[in-house]
């Protein structure tokens, strides 16, 4: 996780140092950048304004923690805010360390959870204002974040959250995915087939959630919100200089044939010889995907029955790149063996599902 901390007073600076030290001690792989804007600390104060600093980091970090007045935070982030699906978590802590406030992206960005965590570190009172949290009710975006599910329709997600806040029931359908817990079964009143059929008055439930990685689904409810689990890795091999457009076309064609939603893919994988392949890198950046690469030795160590190519082995040192890299990255099993489209090879692996926990 990448975090930007900004302190605007002497007291805030001291508190920021304490928070950073304890956070890194507890979670060593956290990357924390600390900035100061304070006339009383000229030796540490950054030359740019707080707003300029926020604009620089807003899309590059997972969270921004202001140790400052809430007004400073609001004015600084206002020009940068786009949508809850992409905005970072924003938290405000007063410089005495008394209150820790979840300001932006409480659910999807994880600001509510981070607020609780930060407050626990410094002994502050966590302030969380989202209605579903205050009333202890289910929230679509928070549920999706915790279970790595992609929301496909934010407008419908908002309607469903409103239904729940107003005491209504929603439906749930899980398509070929995971078991859901007894708590979830009771909340949604689902039957053995995973569908909530009627409300307390016997009226059919017309609005609900369908958890499915399929690209084409048969909606269960009149208004169906699809949440897509991120389960798949696409292994890829290509000629040097293959364009981003060709990569996108190839991946899309394979996913379509396998009826896998593009949002169900979380990474592309290949051999380390392709680590700087511009077409793949550009495609992954645009699609928001990880690009994972492995050495020939690592790929050869992957157990299983894979397609073999003497030509590929002569070039790369391993007889198959796309299948082996997909399986290695997913840590699971191959569900689509090597396919070749216009010189680009792809394969798909699925990570093992551990189930949906509370």
Protein backbone atom coordinates (compact mmCIF):
# COMPACT_ATOMS: atom_id res chain seq x y z
CA UNK A 1 0.00 0.00 0.00
CA UNK A 2 1.17 3.52 -0.84
CA UNK A 3 0.24 6.33 1.55
CA UNK A 4 0.83 10.09 1.41
CA UNK A 5 0.87 11.92 4.76
CA UNK A 6 0.71 15.71 4.93
CA UNK A 7 1.30 17.69 8.14
CA UNK A 8 0.52 21.41 8.45
CA UNK A 9 1.62 22.33 12.00
CA UNK A 10 4.51 21.53 14.35
CA UNK A 11 2.28 19.30 16.46
CA UNK A 12 1.00 17.59 13.31
CA UNK A 13 4.57 16.94 12.18
CA UNK A 14 5.42 15.18 15.46
CA UNK A 15 2.21 13.15 15.26
CA UNK A 16 2.93 12.23 11.65
CA UNK A 17 6.36 10.90 12.62
CA UNK A 18 4.81 8.78 15.36
CA UNK A 19 2.10 7.46 13.08
CA UNK A 20 4.54 6.62 10.29
CA UNK A 21 6.98 4.85 12.60
CA UNK A 22 4.32 2.67 14.22
CA UNK A 23 2.61 1.95 10.90
CA UNK A 24 5.86 0.80 9.25
CA UNK A 25 6.70 -1.28 12.30
CA UNK A 26 3.36 -3.09 12.05
CA UNK A 27 3.19 -3.28 8.24
CA UNK A 28 6.77 -3.07 6.91
CA UNK A 29 5.86 -3.23 3.22
CA UNK A 30 3.79 -0.04 3.41
CA UNK A 31 5.28 2.78 1.33
CA UNK A 32 4.71 6.07 3.18
CA UNK A 33 5.65 9.49 1.79
CA UNK A 34 5.65 12.32 4.33
CA UNK A 35 5.22 15.97 3.36
CA UNK A 36 5.18 19.11 5.49
CA UNK A 37 3.66 22.53 4.77
CA UNK A 38 4.31 24.71 7.78
CA UNK A 39 5.94 28.13 8.12
CA UNK A 40 7.12 27.12 11.58
CA UNK A 41 9.18 24.31 10.08
CA UNK A 42 10.99 26.00 7.17
CA UNK A 43 13.69 23.32 7.08
CA UNK A 44 11.08 20.63 6.30
CA UNK A 45 8.35 22.59 4.56
CA UNK A 46 7.85 21.74 0.88
CA UNK A 47 8.00 24.57 -1.69
CA UNK A 48 4.74 23.53 -3.40
CA UNK A 49 1.30 24.19 -1.96
CA UNK A 50 -0.75 21.44 -0.32
CA UNK A 51 -3.12 21.46 -3.31
CA UNK A 52 -0.22 21.04 -5.74
CA UNK A 53 1.15 18.18 -3.68
CA UNK A 54 -2.24 16.44 -3.59
CA UNK A 55 -2.67 16.86 -7.35
CA UNK A 56 0.73 15.22 -7.90
CA UNK A 57 0.03 12.19 -5.72
CA UNK A 58 -3.75 11.72 -5.95
CA UNK A 59 -3.70 8.99 -8.60
CA UNK A 60 -0.42 7.48 -7.43
CA UNK A 61 -1.29 6.45 -3.86
CA UNK A 62 -3.88 4.27 -2.16
CA UNK A 63 -4.51 6.72 0.67
CA UNK A 64 -3.88 10.32 1.70
CA UNK A 65 -3.74 11.17 5.40
CA UNK A 66 -4.00 14.86 6.30
CA UNK A 67 -2.78 15.87 9.72
CA UNK A 68 -4.51 19.19 9.42
CA UNK A 69 -7.87 20.92 9.53
CA UNK A 70 -10.65 19.23 7.55
CA UNK A 71 -11.11 22.41 5.51
CA UNK A 72 -7.56 22.20 4.18
CA UNK A 73 -8.16 18.61 3.12
CA UNK A 74 -11.49 19.35 1.43
CA UNK A 75 -10.16 22.29 -0.59
CA UNK A 76 -7.05 20.35 -1.61
CA UNK A 77 -8.77 17.23 -2.87
CA UNK A 78 -11.83 18.89 -4.45
CA UNK A 79 -10.32 19.43 -7.94
CA UNK A 80 -9.01 15.84 -8.03
CA UNK A 81 -12.11 13.87 -7.05
CA UNK A 82 -13.49 11.72 -9.87
CA UNK A 83 -15.40 8.63 -8.66
CA UNK A 84 -15.49 6.31 -5.67
CA UNK A 85 -14.30 3.46 -7.87
CA UNK A 86 -10.93 5.16 -8.43
CA UNK A 87 -10.41 7.87 -5.78
CA UNK A 88 -7.94 7.04 -2.99
CA UNK A 89 -8.94 6.83 0.63
CA UNK A 90 -8.71 10.23 2.34
CA UNK A 91 -8.40 10.57 6.10
CA UNK A 92 -8.11 13.67 8.31
CA UNK A 93 -6.48 13.69 11.75
CA UNK A 94 -6.45 16.81 13.91
CA UNK A 95 -2.98 17.82 15.11
CA UNK A 96 -3.73 16.85 18.72
CA UNK A 97 -4.48 13.30 17.62
CA UNK A 98 -7.92 13.35 19.20
CA UNK A 99 -10.08 12.60 16.14
CA UNK A 100 -9.44 10.52 13.02
CA UNK A 101 -12.02 11.18 10.29
CA UNK A 102 -12.86 9.10 7.22
CA UNK A 103 -13.38 11.78 4.58
CA UNK A 104 -13.43 10.13 1.14
CA UNK A 105 -13.77 6.61 -0.35
CA UNK A 106 -14.89 5.10 2.92
CA UNK A 107 -15.85 1.76 1.40
CA UNK A 108 -14.28 1.18 -2.00
CA UNK A 109 -11.07 3.01 -1.15
CA UNK A 110 -10.98 1.49 2.32
CA UNK A 111 -10.91 4.82 4.20
CA UNK A 112 -13.25 3.56 6.92
CA UNK A 113 -11.03 0.56 7.68
CA UNK A 114 -7.88 2.70 7.51
CA UNK A 115 -9.48 5.26 9.84
CA UNK A 116 -10.11 2.56 12.43
CA UNK A 117 -6.56 1.32 12.02
CA UNK A 118 -4.87 4.74 12.23
CA UNK A 119 -7.03 5.73 15.19
CA UNK A 120 -5.96 2.56 16.99
CA UNK A 121 -2.29 3.36 16.44
CA UNK A 122 -2.41 6.84 17.99
CA UNK A 123 -5.33 6.39 20.38
CA UNK A 124 -7.72 8.68 18.50
CA UNK A 125 -11.51 8.51 18.20
CA UNK A 126 -12.46 7.15 14.74
CA UNK A 127 -15.16 9.24 13.05
CA UNK A 128 -17.08 7.36 10.33
CA UNK A 129 -20.22 8.90 8.86
CA UNK A 130 -21.36 6.50 6.13
CA UNK A 131 -24.96 5.47 6.81
CA UNK A 132 -24.51 1.74 6.36
CA UNK A 133 -21.65 1.70 8.86
CA UNK A 134 -23.56 3.79 11.40
CA UNK A 135 -26.52 1.42 11.20
CA UNK A 136 -24.44 -1.74 10.92
CA UNK A 137 -25.88 -2.71 7.53
CA UNK A 138 -24.54 -4.31 4.38
CA UNK A 139 -22.86 -2.00 1.86
CA UNK A 140 -22.29 -3.18 -1.70
CA UNK A 141 -19.05 -1.29 -2.28
CA UNK A 142 -17.49 -2.33 1.02
CA UNK A 143 -18.45 -5.96 0.44
CA UNK A 144 -16.98 -5.82 -3.05
CA UNK A 145 -13.71 -4.33 -1.80
CA UNK A 146 -13.29 -6.93 0.95
CA UNK A 147 -13.90 -9.84 -1.42
CA UNK A 148 -12.05 -8.42 -4.45
CA UNK A 149 -15.22 -8.12 -6.52
CA UNK A 150 -15.61 -5.52 -9.27
CA UNK A 151 -18.80 -3.43 -9.28
CA UNK A 152 -20.17 -3.23 -12.82
CA UNK A 153 -22.96 -0.67 -12.27
CA UNK A 154 -22.45 1.99 -9.61
CA UNK A 155 -25.91 3.47 -10.16
CA UNK A 156 -27.58 0.16 -9.37
CA UNK A 157 -25.22 -0.40 -6.45
CA UNK A 158 -26.46 2.87 -4.98
CA UNK A 159 -30.10 1.76 -5.38
CA UNK A 160 -29.38 -1.53 -3.63
CA UNK A 161 -27.68 0.22 -0.71
CA UNK A 162 -30.71 2.52 -0.43
CA UNK A 163 -33.03 -0.50 -0.39
CA UNK A 164 -31.08 -2.02 2.49
CA UNK A 165 -31.01 1.23 4.46
CA UNK A 166 -34.79 1.45 4.06
CA UNK A 167 -35.24 -2.04 5.46
CA UNK A 168 -35.79 -3.83 2.16
CA UNK A 169 -34.53 -7.24 1.11
CA UNK A 170 -32.24 -7.85 -1.83
CA UNK A 171 -31.61 -11.02 -3.76
CA UNK A 172 -28.34 -12.84 -4.14
CA UNK A 173 -27.18 -15.35 -6.71
CA UNK A 174 -23.71 -16.91 -6.79
CA UNK A 175 -22.82 -18.49 -10.14
CA UNK A 176 -20.21 -21.25 -10.00
CA UNK A 177 -18.05 -19.39 -7.52
CA UNK A 178 -17.77 -19.98 -3.80
CA UNK A 179 -19.74 -21.01 -0.77
CA UNK A 180 -21.21 -18.11 1.19
CA UNK A 181 -21.36 -18.00 4.96
CA UNK A 182 -24.32 -18.69 7.22
CA UNK A 183 -24.43 -15.01 8.14
CA UNK A 184 -24.73 -14.06 4.47
CA UNK A 185 -27.29 -16.81 3.90
CA UNK A 186 -29.46 -15.35 6.67
CA UNK A 187 -29.00 -11.75 5.55
CA UNK A 188 -30.11 -12.46 2.02
CA UNK A 189 -32.48 -15.30 2.95
CA UNK A 190 -31.15 -17.38 0.14
CA UNK A 191 -32.32 -20.89 -0.61
CA UNK A 192 -30.06 -23.83 -1.46
CA UNK A 193 -29.75 -22.58 -5.05
CA UNK A 194 -28.43 -19.24 -3.87
CA UNK A 195 -31.50 -17.15 -4.70
CA UNK A 196 -33.66 -15.08 -2.36
CA UNK A 197 -37.15 -15.61 -3.68
CA UNK A 198 -39.64 -13.38 -1.83
CA UNK A 199 -39.85 -10.65 0.80
CA UNK A 200 -41.75 -10.71 4.09
CA UNK A 201 -45.03 -10.02 2.29
CA UNK A 202 -44.51 -12.79 -0.23
CA UNK A 203 -43.68 -10.39 -3.05
CA UNK A 204 -40.94 -11.46 -5.48
CA UNK A 205 -37.61 -9.76 -4.92
CA UNK A 206 -36.93 -7.77 -8.09
CA UNK A 207 -33.56 -6.24 -7.30
CA UNK A 208 -30.44 -8.14 -6.38
CA UNK A 209 -26.79 -9.08 -6.74
CA UNK A 210 -25.34 -11.76 -8.98
CA UNK A 211 -21.74 -12.77 -8.28
CA UNK A 212 -20.38 -14.16 -11.53
CA UNK A 213 -17.22 -14.08 -13.60
CA UNK A 214 -19.10 -14.84 -16.81
CA UNK A 215 -19.05 -12.24 -19.56
CA UNK A 216 -22.58 -13.14 -20.61
CA UNK A 217 -25.01 -13.94 -17.79
CA UNK A 218 -28.71 -14.65 -17.55
CA UNK A 219 -29.90 -12.05 -15.01
CA UNK A 220 -31.81 -13.58 -12.10
CA UNK A 221 -33.61 -10.40 -11.05
CA UNK A 222 -35.37 -7.64 -12.95
CA UNK A 223 -32.53 -5.36 -11.86
CA UNK A 224 -29.36 -7.40 -11.46
CA UNK A 225 -26.05 -5.97 -10.26
CA UNK A 226 -23.18 -8.17 -11.39
CA UNK A 227 -20.19 -8.32 -9.08
CA UNK A 228 -17.21 -9.85 -10.83
CA UNK A 229 -14.65 -11.87 -8.84
CA UNK A 230 -11.05 -11.34 -9.94
CA UNK A 231 -9.90 -14.92 -10.41
CA UNK A 232 -7.92 -15.14 -13.64
CA UNK A 233 -4.46 -14.55 -15.05
CA UNK A 234 -3.79 -14.43 -18.78
CA UNK A 235 -0.40 -15.82 -19.78
CA UNK A 236 0.96 -14.22 -22.92
CA UNK A 237 3.74 -14.53 -25.48
CA UNK A 238 4.28 -12.35 -28.52
CA UNK A 239 6.77 -11.11 -31.11
CA UNK A 240 8.86 -8.10 -30.18
CA UNK A 241 7.08 -4.88 -31.08
CA UNK A 242 3.53 -6.28 -30.99
CA UNK A 243 1.18 -3.32 -30.55
CA UNK A 244 -1.05 -2.59 -27.59
CA UNK A 245 -4.07 -2.84 -29.89
CA UNK A 246 -3.08 -6.34 -31.04
CA UNK A 247 -2.56 -7.43 -27.44
CA UNK A 248 -5.99 -6.07 -26.47
CA UNK A 249 -7.66 -7.74 -29.46
CA UNK A 250 -6.07 -11.10 -28.69
CA UNK A 251 -6.86 -11.09 -24.98
CA UNK A 252 -10.41 -9.92 -25.65
CA UNK A 253 -11.01 -12.63 -28.25
CA UNK A 254 -9.85 -15.38 -25.91
CA UNK A 255 -11.94 -14.10 -23.01
CA UNK A 256 -14.99 -13.87 -25.25
CA UNK A 257 -14.57 -17.47 -26.40
CA UNK A 258 -14.23 -18.61 -22.79
CA UNK A 259 -17.14 -16.38 -21.64
CA UNK A 260 -14.93 -14.72 -19.02
CA UNK A 261 -15.63 -11.10 -18.07
CA UNK A 262 -12.64 -8.84 -18.73
CA UNK A 263 -12.92 -7.51 -15.16
CA UNK A 264 -12.38 -11.06 -13.85
CA UNK A 265 -8.75 -10.84 -15.02
CA UNK A 266 -6.34 -9.25 -12.56
CA UNK A 267 -2.98 -9.84 -14.25
CA UNK A 268 -1.04 -10.75 -17.37
CA UNK A 269 2.02 -12.98 -17.05
CA UNK A 270 4.98 -13.86 -19.24
CA UNK A 271 8.71 -14.59 -19.26
CA UNK A 272 11.12 -11.92 -18.00
CA UNK A 273 12.40 -11.44 -21.56
CA UNK A 274 9.11 -9.57 -22.11
CA UNK A 275 9.35 -7.42 -18.99
CA UNK A 276 9.85 -4.26 -21.07
CA UNK A 277 7.57 -5.17 -23.99
CA UNK A 278 5.89 -1.83 -24.71
CA UNK A 279 2.67 -3.24 -26.16
CA UNK A 280 2.01 -5.43 -23.13
CA UNK A 281 2.99 -2.70 -20.67
CA UNK A 282 0.73 -0.14 -22.35
CA UNK A 283 -2.19 -2.56 -22.45
CA UNK A 284 -1.80 -3.45 -18.76
CA UNK A 285 -1.55 0.19 -17.74
CA UNK A 286 -4.69 1.09 -19.69
CA UNK A 287 -6.61 -1.94 -18.39
CA UNK A 288 -5.40 -1.54 -14.80
CA UNK A 289 -3.74 -4.98 -14.74
CA UNK A 290 -0.61 -6.28 -13.07
CA UNK A 291 2.12 -7.57 -15.38
CA UNK A 292 4.08 -10.40 -13.76
CA UNK A 293 7.19 -11.92 -15.33
CA UNK A 294 9.33 -14.94 -14.47
CA UNK A 295 12.67 -16.39 -15.45
CA UNK A 296 12.94 -19.41 -17.71
CA UNK A 297 14.13 -21.42 -14.72
CA UNK A 298 11.06 -20.45 -12.70
CA UNK A 299 8.76 -21.37 -15.59
CA UNK A 300 10.45 -24.74 -16.11
CA UNK A 301 9.80 -25.58 -12.45
CA UNK A 302 6.01 -25.33 -12.85
CA UNK A 303 4.59 -28.83 -12.70
CA UNK A 304 1.90 -29.95 -15.12
CA UNK A 305 1.17 -31.07 -18.67
CA UNK A 306 1.77 -28.18 -21.06
CA UNK A 307 1.92 -27.58 -24.80
CA UNK A 308 5.50 -27.91 -26.09
CA UNK A 309 7.34 -25.90 -28.74
CA UNK A 310 10.95 -26.52 -29.73
CA UNK A 311 11.09 -23.09 -31.40
CA UNK A 312 9.93 -21.30 -28.24
CA UNK A 313 12.44 -23.28 -26.18
CA UNK A 314 15.29 -22.25 -28.50
CA UNK A 315 14.34 -18.58 -28.12
CA UNK A 316 13.38 -18.43 -24.43
CA UNK A 317 14.89 -21.47 -22.75
CA UNK A 318 11.48 -22.93 -21.86
CA UNK A 319 9.13 -24.88 -24.13
CA UNK A 320 5.97 -22.99 -23.17
CA UNK A 321 5.65 -19.46 -21.82
CA UNK A 322 1.97 -18.52 -21.76
CA UNK A 323 0.58 -21.61 -20.02
CA UNK A 324 3.33 -21.93 -17.43
CA UNK A 325 3.41 -18.20 -16.58
CA UNK A 326 -0.38 -18.07 -16.17
CA UNK A 327 -0.38 -21.03 -13.78
CA UNK A 328 2.60 -19.71 -11.82
CA UNK A 329 1.06 -16.24 -11.43
CA UNK A 330 -2.40 -17.53 -10.51
CA UNK A 331 -1.13 -20.20 -8.16
CA UNK A 332 -3.97 -22.33 -9.45
CA UNK A 333 -4.91 -24.37 -12.49
CA UNK A 334 -4.96 -23.95 -16.24
CA UNK A 335 -8.48 -23.54 -17.61
CA UNK A 336 -7.64 -22.53 -21.21
CA UNK A 337 -4.62 -24.04 -22.94
CA UNK A 338 -2.45 -22.11 -25.42
CA UNK A 339 -4.23 -20.37 -28.25
CA UNK A 340 -2.58 -18.48 -31.06
CA UNK A 341 -4.04 -15.37 -32.67
CA UNK A 342 -1.98 -13.56 -35.32
CA UNK A 343 1.31 -14.55 -33.70
CA UNK A 344 0.22 -13.77 -30.13
CA UNK A 345 -0.15 -16.75 -27.79
CA UNK A 346 -2.41 -16.67 -24.74
CA UNK A 347 -3.55 -19.07 -22.04
CA UNK A 348 -5.74 -18.57 -18.97
CA UNK A 349 -5.29 -19.86 -15.41
CA UNK A 350 -7.63 -19.53 -12.45
CA UNK A 351 -6.52 -19.04 -8.88
CA UNK A 352 -7.95 -21.34 -6.25
CA UNK A 353 -11.02 -19.94 -4.54
CA UNK A 354 -11.02 -19.92 -0.75
CA UNK A 355 -14.67 -18.93 -0.34
CA UNK A 356 -16.41 -15.73 0.70
CA UNK A 357 -15.74 -14.95 4.35
CA UNK A 358 -17.63 -12.57 6.62
